[in-house]
Amino acid sequence: MNGAARPGPMTDMNSLDQFQTRGVHTIFTDIDDTITDEGQLGPEAYDSLWRLHRAGMKIVPVTGRPAGWCEMIARFWPVHGVIGENGGFYFRYVNDATGKHMRRHFVFTEAEREANRQKLESIRTAVLKEVPGAAVASDQFSRLMDLAIDFAEDVGPLSDKDISQIVAIFERFGAVAKVSSIHVNGWFGRYDKLSMCKTYCSRELGFDFTQENKKGSIIFCGDSPNDEPMFEAFQNSFAVANIRRFEARLKHKPAFIASKEGGHGFVEIANRLLAIKA
């Protein structure tokens, strides 16, 4: 049974009760402000991850958070794997013929990552000099691929003008920059959340992204502008209600929206998926 028709760019989003697609087997989801509330992973949202997992659905967080966090998430959460630093890598904790171990796949080699980190130091210096109130994200020490500038987690929140200036500095140095709900993340190289999702589907899930997406059997959940490529690409894309804050920035909106924000909205999405599961 197919879901409601996917809205085009800049149209309104469908409520969850309009989602009717059965047979969803894989859930890609952002973390910050999608399954969390004010920086905390609540018991209801975490329980929803477990309920989805026990129902046989594969969960793959897709986050801007750092490698150090992803190591823990892949090992301890009820997830199939985790894509980190906006698509720079994925980690998957597996138990195969060789025993339990962490499987890691990076876009770049270790030497390339080190060269990029040196170039990011110049951007760090420029941002801190030119944008008063901005700070390097507290989790930067755990990162391998990118530079995260905090504008709304432990500082600020900074203005839209300041955020745009941070993005402009990254781009001035030739880096890619994406705005999340709390950070501006920047890196060198052409990759994003979507490109690594497709890689993960092929390498770890054993199916073609395009084919499964046409069936509607894979979904994405997000909350902010850096999720826009995912909203555009996924036939069945979802957002929690706080996406409304960024609505004016979006050319491509999610197909479906929860009535509640953050983790409470994710619980709504999980409940809908479980209610109609074939």
C-alpha atoms as a PDB file:
ATOM      1  CA  MET A   1       0.000   0.000   0.000  1.00  0.00           C
ATOM      2  CA  ASN A   2       1.601   3.247  -1.052  1.00  0.00           C
ATOM      3  CA  GLY A   3       1.874   6.301   1.184  1.00  0.00           C
ATOM      4  CA  ALA A   4       0.376   9.693   0.510  1.00  0.00           C
ATOM      5  CA  ALA A   5       1.797  11.523  -2.481  1.00  0.00           C
ATOM      6  CA  ARG A   6       5.078  13.208  -1.661  1.00  0.00           C
ATOM      7  CA  PRO A   7       4.707  17.006  -1.595  1.00  0.00           C
ATOM      8  CA  GLY A   8       6.953  19.006  -3.906  1.00  0.00           C
ATOM      9  CA  PRO A   9       9.246  21.852  -2.916  1.00  0.00           C
ATOM     10  CA  MET A  10       7.723  24.575  -0.726  1.00  0.00           C
ATOM     11  CA  THR A  11       4.362  22.843  -0.292  1.00  0.00           C
ATOM     12  CA  ASP A  12       2.915  22.016   3.098  1.00  0.00           C
ATOM     13  CA  MET A  13       3.770  18.785   4.878  1.00  0.00           C
ATOM     14  CA  ASN A  14       1.420  15.887   5.514  1.00  0.00           C
ATOM     15  CA  SER A  15       0.342  14.854   8.998  1.00  0.00           C
ATOM     16  CA  LEU A  16       1.396  11.437  10.252  1.00  0.00           C
ATOM     17  CA  ASP A  17      -2.069   9.964   9.937  1.00  0.00           C
ATOM     18  CA  GLN A  18      -1.716  10.343   6.169  1.00  0.00           C
ATOM     19  CA  PHE A  19       1.254   7.967   6.131  1.00  0.00           C
ATOM     20  CA  GLN A  20      -0.029   4.539   5.090  1.00  0.00           C
ATOM     21  CA  THR A  21       3.011   2.731   3.639  1.00  0.00           C
ATOM     22  CA  ARG A  22       3.452  -0.759   5.042  1.00  0.00           C
ATOM     23  CA  GLY A  23       6.661  -2.736   5.037  1.00  0.00           C
ATOM     24  CA  VAL A  24       9.136  -0.137   6.305  1.00  0.00           C
ATOM     25  CA  HIS A  25      12.235  -2.087   7.317  1.00  0.00           C
ATOM     26  CA  THR A  26      14.992   0.549   7.673  1.00  0.00           C
ATOM     27  CA  ILE A  27      14.928   3.877   9.498  1.00  0.00           C
ATOM     28  CA  PHE A  28      17.624   6.490   8.991  1.00  0.00           C
ATOM     29  CA  THR A  29      17.316   9.246  11.588  1.00  0.00           C
ATOM     30  CA  ASP A  30      19.060  12.375  12.751  1.00  0.00           C
ATOM     31  CA  ILE A  31      19.816  12.599  16.492  1.00  0.00           C
ATOM     32  CA  ASP A  32      20.018  16.159  17.849  1.00  0.00           C
ATOM     33  CA  ASP A  33      16.569  17.732  18.239  1.00  0.00           C
ATOM     34  CA  THR A  34      15.054  14.832  16.306  1.00  0.00           C
ATOM     35  CA  ILE A  35      15.193  12.180  19.024  1.00  0.00           C
ATOM     36  CA  THR A  36      16.450  14.499  21.787  1.00  0.00           C
ATOM     37  CA  ASP A  37      14.862  17.353  23.731  1.00  0.00           C
ATOM     38  CA  GLU A  38      17.027  20.255  24.927  1.00  0.00           C
ATOM     39  CA  GLY A  39      20.131  18.119  24.484  1.00  0.00           C
ATOM     40  CA  GLN A  40      18.819  15.092  26.373  1.00  0.00           C
ATOM     41  CA  LEU A  41      17.756  11.681  25.095  1.00  0.00           C
ATOM     42  CA  GLY A  42      14.545  11.071  27.006  1.00  0.00           C
ATOM     43  CA  PRO A  43      13.270   7.673  28.161  1.00  0.00           C
ATOM     44  CA  GLU A  44      10.274   7.715  25.813  1.00  0.00           C
ATOM     45  CA  ALA A  45      12.382   8.358  22.708  1.00  0.00           C
ATOM     46  CA  TYR A  46      14.987   5.785  23.718  1.00  0.00           C
ATOM     47  CA  ASP A  47      12.218   3.264  24.401  1.00  0.00           C
ATOM     48  CA  SER A  48      10.880   3.971  20.904  1.00  0.00           C
ATOM     49  CA  LEU A  49      14.241   2.976  19.441  1.00  0.00           C
ATOM     50  CA  TRP A  50      14.020  -0.307  21.310  1.00  0.00           C
ATOM     51  CA  ARG A  51      10.402  -0.898  20.279  1.00  0.00           C
ATOM     52  CA  LEU A  52      11.282  -0.330  16.617  1.00  0.00           C
ATOM     53  CA  HIS A  53      14.323  -2.588  16.965  1.00  0.00           C
ATOM     54  CA  ARG A  54      12.306  -5.370  18.585  1.00  0.00           C
ATOM     55  CA  ALA A  55       9.748  -5.068  15.801  1.00  0.00           C
ATOM     56  CA  GLY A  56      12.509  -6.006  13.349  1.00  0.00           C
ATOM     57  CA  MET A  57      13.282  -2.570  11.932  1.00  0.00           C
ATOM     58  CA  LYS A  58      16.884  -1.601  11.316  1.00  0.00           C
ATOM     59  CA  ILE A  59      17.791   1.816  12.752  1.00  0.00           C
ATOM     60  CA  VAL A  60      20.729   3.838  11.445  1.00  0.00           C
ATOM     61  CA  PRO A  61      21.334   7.234  13.100  1.00  0.00           C
ATOM     62  CA  VAL A  62      22.714   9.790  10.626  1.00  0.00           C
ATOM     63  CA  THR A  63      24.298  12.602  12.585  1.00  0.00           C
ATOM     64  CA  GLY A  64      26.728  15.497  12.598  1.00  0.00           C
ATOM     65  CA  ARG A  65      28.067  14.240  15.899  1.00  0.00           C
ATOM     66  CA  PRO A  66      31.688  13.057  16.157  1.00  0.00           C
ATOM     67  CA  ALA A  67      33.448   9.742  15.774  1.00  0.00           C
ATOM     68  CA  GLY A  68      33.887   9.367  19.530  1.00  0.00           C
ATOM     69  CA  TRP A  69      30.141   9.550  20.075  1.00  0.00           C
ATOM     70  CA  CYS A  70      29.467   7.209  17.155  1.00  0.00           C
ATOM     71  CA  GLU A  71      31.731   4.552  18.653  1.00  0.00           C
ATOM     72  CA  MET A  72      29.512   4.449  21.737  1.00  0.00           C
ATOM     73  CA  ILE A  73      26.235   4.686  19.811  1.00  0.00           C
ATOM     74  CA  ALA A  74      27.137   1.807  17.495  1.00  0.00           C
ATOM     75  CA  ARG A  75      28.181  -0.342  20.448  1.00  0.00           C
ATOM     76  CA  PHE A  76      25.437   0.362  22.988  1.00  0.00           C
ATOM     77  CA  TRP A  77      22.272   1.634  21.281  1.00  0.00           C
ATOM     78  CA  PRO A  78      19.727  -0.681  19.570  1.00  0.00           C
ATOM     79  CA  VAL A  79      20.968   0.312  16.116  1.00  0.00           C
ATOM     80  CA  HIS A  80      22.223  -1.474  13.031  1.00  0.00           C
ATOM     81  CA  GLY A  81      25.027   1.084  12.612  1.00  0.00           C
ATOM     82  CA  VAL A  82      25.623   4.834  12.707  1.00  0.00           C
ATOM     83  CA  ILE A  83      26.677   7.409  10.099  1.00  0.00           C
ATOM     84  CA  GLY A  84      28.679  10.238  11.636  1.00  0.00           C
ATOM     85  CA  GLU A  85      30.123  13.678  11.013  1.00  0.00           C
ATOM     86  CA  ASN A  86      27.555  14.409   8.296  1.00  0.00           C
ATOM     87  CA  GLY A  87      28.462  11.411   6.159  1.00  0.00           C
ATOM     88  CA  GLY A  88      32.232  11.250   6.583  1.00  0.00           C
ATOM     89  CA  PHE A  89      32.090   7.663   7.842  1.00  0.00           C
ATOM     90  CA  TYR A  90      29.964   4.915   9.284  1.00  0.00           C
ATOM     91  CA  PHE A  91      30.589   2.581  12.210  1.00  0.00           C
ATOM     92  CA  ARG A  92      28.868  -0.757  12.690  1.00  0.00           C
ATOM     93  CA  TYR A  93      29.370  -3.136  15.612  1.00  0.00           C
ATOM     94  CA  VAL A  94      29.137  -6.660  14.250  1.00  0.00           C
ATOM     95  CA  ASN A  95      29.433 -10.215  15.476  1.00  0.00           C
ATOM     96  CA  ASP A  96      30.620 -12.381  12.596  1.00  0.00           C
ATOM     97  CA  ALA A  97      32.919 -15.334  11.961  1.00  0.00           C
ATOM     98  CA  THR A  98      35.870 -13.341  13.302  1.00  0.00           C
ATOM     99  CA  GLY A  99      34.049 -12.395  16.510  1.00  0.00           C
ATOM    100  CA  LYS A 100      32.721  -9.093  17.819  1.00  0.00           C
ATOM    101  CA  HIS A 101      34.355  -6.009  16.341  1.00  0.00           C
ATOM    102  CA  MET A 102      33.711  -2.469  15.128  1.00  0.00           C
ATOM    103  CA  ARG A 103      33.514  -2.121  11.355  1.00  0.00           C
ATOM    104  CA  ARG A 104      34.568   1.349  10.207  1.00  0.00           C
ATOM    105  CA  HIS A 105      34.290   2.851   6.736  1.00  0.00           C
ATOM    106  CA  PHE A 106      35.641   6.337   5.916  1.00  0.00           C
ATOM    107  CA  VAL A 107      35.273   8.523   2.846  1.00  0.00           C
ATOM    108  CA  PHE A 108      38.976   9.470   3.085  1.00  0.00           C
ATOM    109  CA  THR A 109      42.204   7.745   4.038  1.00  0.00           C
ATOM    110  CA  GLU A 110      43.919   8.582   7.319  1.00  0.00           C
ATOM    111  CA  ALA A 111      46.478  10.730   5.487  1.00  0.00           C
ATOM    112  CA  GLU A 112      43.734  12.670   3.709  1.00  0.00           C
ATOM    113  CA  ARG A 113      41.885  13.198   6.982  1.00  0.00           C
ATOM    114  CA  GLU A 114      45.010  14.607   8.611  1.00  0.00           C
ATOM    115  CA  ALA A 115      45.647  17.012   5.723  1.00  0.00           C
ATOM    116  CA  ASN A 116      42.058  18.243   5.940  1.00  0.00           C
ATOM    117  CA  ARG A 117      42.296  18.736   9.701  1.00  0.00           C
ATOM    118  CA  GLN A 118      45.259  21.059   9.203  1.00  0.00           C
ATOM    119  CA  LYS A 119      43.277  23.150   6.714  1.00  0.00           C
ATOM    120  CA  LEU A 120      40.331  23.300   9.122  1.00  0.00           C
ATOM    121  CA  GLU A 121      42.574  24.905  11.756  1.00  0.00           C
ATOM    122  CA  SER A 122      42.817  28.010   9.570  1.00  0.00           C
ATOM    123  CA  ILE A 123      39.017  28.187   9.426  1.00  0.00           C
ATOM    124  CA  ARG A 124      38.776  27.759  13.188  1.00  0.00           C
ATOM    125  CA  THR A 125      41.080  30.723  13.706  1.00  0.00           C
ATOM    126  CA  ALA A 126      39.144  32.904  11.270  1.00  0.00           C
ATOM    127  CA  VAL A 127      35.716  32.094  12.759  1.00  0.00           C
ATOM    128  CA  LEU A 128      36.762  32.807  16.325  1.00  0.00           C
ATOM    129  CA  LYS A 129      38.335  36.096  15.238  1.00  0.00           C
ATOM    130  CA  GLU A 130      35.494  37.307  13.017  1.00  0.00           C
ATOM    131  CA  VAL A 131      32.326  36.078  14.772  1.00  0.00           C
ATOM    132  CA  PRO A 132      32.087  37.204  18.411  1.00  0.00           C
ATOM    133  CA  GLY A 133      30.218  34.698  20.557  1.00  0.00           C
ATOM    134  CA  ALA A 134      30.927  31.698  18.343  1.00  0.00           C
ATOM    135  CA  ALA A 135      32.874  28.814  19.843  1.00  0.00           C
ATOM    136  CA  VAL A 136      34.361  25.522  18.779  1.00  0.00           C
ATOM    137  CA  ALA A 137      31.904  22.781  19.722  1.00  0.00           C
ATOM    138  CA  SER A 138      32.719  21.007  22.968  1.00  0.00           C
ATOM    139  CA  ASP A 139      32.812  17.640  21.173  1.00  0.00           C
ATOM    140  CA  GLN A 140      35.458  18.771  18.659  1.00  0.00           C
ATOM    141  CA  PHE A 141      38.177  16.699  20.348  1.00  0.00           C
ATOM    142  CA  SER A 142      36.258  13.566  19.306  1.00  0.00           C
ATOM    143  CA  ARG A 143      36.053  14.508  15.616  1.00  0.00           C
ATOM    144  CA  LEU A 144      38.004  12.975  12.727  1.00  0.00           C
ATOM    145  CA  MET A 145      36.531  14.628   9.631  1.00  0.00           C
ATOM    146  CA  ASP A 146      35.101  18.081  10.285  1.00  0.00           C
ATOM    147  CA  LEU A 147      35.080  21.283  12.297  1.00  0.00           C
ATOM    148  CA  ALA A 148      31.969  22.051  14.353  1.00  0.00           C
ATOM    149  CA  ILE A 149      31.246  25.635  15.361  1.00  0.00           C
ATOM    150  CA  ASP A 150      28.752  26.031  18.184  1.00  0.00           C
ATOM    151  CA  PHE A 151      26.063  28.694  17.822  1.00  0.00           C
ATOM    152  CA  ALA A 152      23.261  27.322  20.023  1.00  0.00           C
ATOM    153  CA  GLU A 153      24.396  24.412  22.216  1.00  0.00           C
ATOM    154  CA  ASP A 154      26.733  25.869  24.872  1.00  0.00           C
ATOM    155  CA  VAL A 155      26.711  29.450  23.551  1.00  0.00           C
ATOM    156  CA  GLY A 156      24.240  31.938  22.159  1.00  0.00           C
ATOM    157  CA  PRO A 157      22.024  31.301  20.389  1.00  0.00           C
ATOM    158  CA  LEU A 158      23.683  33.484  17.773  1.00  0.00           C
ATOM    159  CA  SER A 159      21.703  35.434  15.193  1.00  0.00           C
ATOM    160  CA  ASP A 160      20.918  34.240  11.670  1.00  0.00           C
ATOM    161  CA  LYS A 161      23.380  36.878  10.453  1.00  0.00           C
ATOM    162  CA  ASP A 162      26.154  35.384  12.588  1.00  0.00           C
ATOM    163  CA  ILE A 163      25.317  31.870  11.404  1.00  0.00           C
ATOM    164  CA  SER A 164      25.450  33.011   7.777  1.00  0.00           C
ATOM    165  CA  GLN A 165      28.815  34.638   8.433  1.00  0.00           C
ATOM    166  CA  ILE A 166      30.196  31.384   9.855  1.00  0.00           C
ATOM    167  CA  VAL A 167      29.016  29.539   6.749  1.00  0.00           C
ATOM    168  CA  ALA A 168      30.599  32.203   4.530  1.00  0.00           C
ATOM    169  CA  ILE A 169      33.964  31.791   6.266  1.00  0.00           C
ATOM    170  CA  PHE A 170      33.953  28.041   5.666  1.00  0.00           C
ATOM    171  CA  GLU A 171      33.098  28.610   2.018  1.00  0.00           C
ATOM    172  CA  ARG A 172      35.784  31.298   1.672  1.00  0.00           C
ATOM    173  CA  PHE A 173      38.362  28.614   2.464  1.00  0.00           C
ATOM    174  CA  GLY A 174      36.814  26.179  -0.012  1.00  0.00           C
ATOM    175  CA  ALA A 175      35.060  23.998   2.573  1.00  0.00           C
ATOM    176  CA  VAL A 176      31.515  22.652   2.576  1.00  0.00           C
ATOM    177  CA  ALA A 177      29.362  24.019   5.412  1.00  0.00           C
ATOM    178  CA  LYS A 178      26.030  22.764   6.730  1.00  0.00           C
ATOM    179  CA  VAL A 179      23.808  24.258   9.421  1.00  0.00           C
ATOM    180  CA  SER A 180      22.255  21.980  12.031  1.00  0.00           C
ATOM    181  CA  SER A 181      20.028  23.038  14.905  1.00  0.00           C
ATOM    182  CA  ILE A 182      23.066  23.755  17.108  1.00  0.00           C
ATOM    183  CA  HIS A 183      26.263  23.787  15.032  1.00  0.00           C
ATOM    184  CA  VAL A 184      27.723  24.830  11.720  1.00  0.00           C
ATOM    185  CA  ASN A 185      29.688  21.816  10.521  1.00  0.00           C
ATOM    186  CA  GLY A 186      32.304  22.240   7.829  1.00  0.00           C
ATOM    187  CA  TRP A 187      34.605  19.884   5.967  1.00  0.00           C
ATOM    188  CA  PHE A 188      36.619  19.417   2.790  1.00  0.00           C
ATOM    189  CA  GLY A 189      35.469  17.003   0.119  1.00  0.00           C
ATOM    190  CA  ARG A 190      32.174  16.258  -1.589  1.00  0.00           C
ATOM    191  CA  TYR A 191      30.181  13.988   0.668  1.00  0.00           C
ATOM    192  CA  ASP A 192      27.060  14.359   2.779  1.00  0.00           C
ATOM    193  CA  LYS A 193      24.583  12.366   4.803  1.00  0.00           C
ATOM    194  CA  LEU A 194      22.796  11.105   1.698  1.00  0.00           C
ATOM    195  CA  SER A 195      25.887   9.821  -0.100  1.00  0.00           C
ATOM    196  CA  MET A 196      26.909   7.755   2.922  1.00  0.00           C
ATOM    197  CA  CYS A 197      23.354   6.465   3.374  1.00  0.00           C
ATOM    198  CA  LYS A 198      23.529   5.058  -0.133  1.00  0.00           C
ATOM    199  CA  THR A 199      26.920   3.514   0.596  1.00  0.00           C
ATOM    200  CA  TYR A 200      25.610   2.009   3.825  1.00  0.00           C
ATOM    201  CA  CYS A 201      22.635   0.476   2.029  1.00  0.00           C
ATOM    202  CA  SER A 202      24.896  -1.202  -0.477  1.00  0.00           C
ATOM    203  CA  ARG A 203      27.752  -2.302   1.794  1.00  0.00           C
ATOM    204  CA  GLU A 204      25.938  -3.159   5.025  1.00  0.00           C
ATOM    205  CA  LEU A 205      22.259  -3.710   4.247  1.00  0.00           C
ATOM    206  CA  GLY A 206      22.708  -5.467   0.913  1.00  0.00           C
ATOM    207  CA  PHE A 207      20.203  -3.537  -1.171  1.00  0.00           C
ATOM    208  CA  ASP A 208      20.073  -0.690  -3.666  1.00  0.00           C
ATOM    209  CA  PHE A 209      18.960   2.615  -2.150  1.00  0.00           C
ATOM    210  CA  THR A 210      16.987   3.715  -5.211  1.00  0.00           C
ATOM    211  CA  GLN A 211      14.995   0.506  -5.509  1.00  0.00           C
ATOM    212  CA  GLU A 212      14.050   0.341  -1.824  1.00  0.00           C
ATOM    213  CA  ASN A 213      13.252   4.045  -1.763  1.00  0.00           C
ATOM    214  CA  LYS A 214      10.775   3.596  -4.614  1.00  0.00           C
ATOM    215  CA  LYS A 215       9.037   0.923  -2.559  1.00  0.00           C
ATOM    216  CA  GLY A 216       8.868   3.299   0.397  1.00  0.00           C
ATOM    217  CA  SER A 217      10.470   0.694   2.636  1.00  0.00           C
ATOM    218  CA  ILE A 218      13.250   3.013   3.879  1.00  0.00           C
ATOM    219  CA  ILE A 219      12.563   6.295   5.651  1.00  0.00           C
ATOM    220  CA  PHE A 220      14.417   9.285   7.080  1.00  0.00           C
ATOM    221  CA  CYS A 221      13.593  11.429  10.116  1.00  0.00           C
ATOM    222  CA  GLY A 222      15.149  14.876  10.659  1.00  0.00           C
ATOM    223  CA  ASP A 223      14.659  18.383  11.997  1.00  0.00           C
ATOM    224  CA  SER A 224      16.935  20.996  10.397  1.00  0.00           C
ATOM    225  CA  PRO A 225      18.362  22.488   7.162  1.00  0.00           C
ATOM    226  CA  ASN A 226      21.299  20.081   6.960  1.00  0.00           C
ATOM    227  CA  ASP A 227      18.731  17.303   6.539  1.00  0.00           C
ATOM    228  CA  GLU A 228      17.324  18.872   3.366  1.00  0.00           C
ATOM    229  CA  PRO A 229      19.160  16.548   0.920  1.00  0.00           C
ATOM    230  CA  MET A 230      17.555  13.659   2.792  1.00  0.00           C
ATOM    231  CA  PHE A 231      14.096  15.247   2.710  1.00  0.00           C
ATOM    232  CA  GLU A 232      14.477  15.679  -1.037  1.00  0.00           C
ATOM    233  CA  ALA A 233      15.794  12.190  -1.726  1.00  0.00           C
ATOM    234  CA  PHE A 234      13.577  10.002   0.458  1.00  0.00           C
ATOM    235  CA  GLN A 235      10.087   9.267  -0.832  1.00  0.00           C
ATOM    236  CA  ASN A 236       9.023   8.820   2.789  1.00  0.00           C
ATOM    237  CA  SER A 237      10.790  11.540   4.775  1.00  0.00           C
ATOM    238  CA  PHE A 238       9.655  12.720   8.193  1.00  0.00           C
ATOM    239  CA  ALA A 239      10.374  15.664  10.453  1.00  0.00           C
ATOM    240  CA  VAL A 240       9.574  16.541  14.011  1.00  0.00           C
ATOM    241  CA  ALA A 241       7.626  19.768  14.535  1.00  0.00           C
ATOM    242  CA  ASN A 242      10.659  21.968  15.196  1.00  0.00           C
ATOM    243  CA  ILE A 243      11.409  21.894  11.459  1.00  0.00           C
ATOM    244  CA  ARG A 244       8.877  24.732  11.279  1.00  0.00           C
ATOM    245  CA  ARG A 245      11.554  27.076  12.666  1.00  0.00           C
ATOM    246  CA  PHE A 246      13.575  26.577   9.491  1.00  0.00           C
ATOM    247  CA  GLU A 247      10.703  26.363   7.032  1.00  0.00           C
ATOM    248  CA  ALA A 248      11.595  29.583   5.201  1.00  0.00           C
ATOM    249  CA  ARG A 249      15.073  28.209   4.417  1.00  0.00           C
ATOM    250  CA  LEU A 250      13.885  24.938   2.913  1.00  0.00           C
ATOM    251  CA  LYS A 251      13.474  24.364  -0.796  1.00  0.00           C
ATOM    252  CA  HIS A 252      12.644  20.710  -0.125  1.00  0.00           C
ATOM    253  CA  LYS A 253      10.457  19.883   2.830  1.00  0.00           C
ATOM    254  CA  PRO A 254       9.822  16.508   4.446  1.00  0.00           C
ATOM    255  CA  ALA A 255       6.800  14.585   3.245  1.00  0.00           C
ATOM    256  CA  PHE A 256       5.362  14.081   6.740  1.00  0.00           C
ATOM    257  CA  ILE A 257       5.559  16.029   9.983  1.00  0.00           C
ATOM    258  CA  ALA A 258       4.882  15.126  13.605  1.00  0.00           C
ATOM    259  CA  SER A 259       2.734  17.395  15.757  1.00  0.00           C
ATOM    260  CA  LYS A 260       5.320  17.506  18.551  1.00  0.00           C
ATOM    261  CA  GLU A 261       8.935  18.619  18.663  1.00  0.00           C
ATOM    262  CA  GLY A 262      12.128  16.662  19.250  1.00  0.00           C
ATOM    263  CA  GLY A 263      12.027  13.292  20.936  1.00  0.00           C
ATOM    264  CA  HIS A 264       8.303  13.564  21.606  1.00  0.00           C
ATOM    265  CA  GLY A 265       7.752  13.976  17.874  1.00  0.00           C
ATOM    266  CA  PHE A 266       9.981  10.973  17.183  1.00  0.00           C
ATOM    267  CA  VAL A 267       7.815   8.914  19.540  1.00  0.00           C
ATOM    268  CA  GLU A 268       4.799   9.922  17.416  1.00  0.00           C
ATOM    269  CA  ILE A 269       6.591   8.783  14.250  1.00  0.00           C
ATOM    270  CA  ALA A 270       7.614   5.486  15.863  1.00  0.00           C
ATOM    271  CA  ASN A 271       4.070   4.870  17.055  1.00  0.00           C
ATOM    272  CA  ARG A 272       2.729   5.445  13.537  1.00  0.00           C
ATOM    273  CA  LEU A 273       5.261   3.071  11.997  1.00  0.00           C
ATOM    274  CA  LEU A 274       4.468   0.372  14.514  1.00  0.00           C
ATOM    275  CA  ALA A 275       0.707   0.837  14.171  1.00  0.00           C
ATOM    276  CA  ILE A 276       0.709   0.138  10.440  1.00  0.00           C
ATOM    277  CA  LYS A 277       3.576  -2.360  10.310  1.00  0.00           C
ATOM    278  CA  ALA A 278       2.687  -5.269   8.068  1.00  0.00           C
END
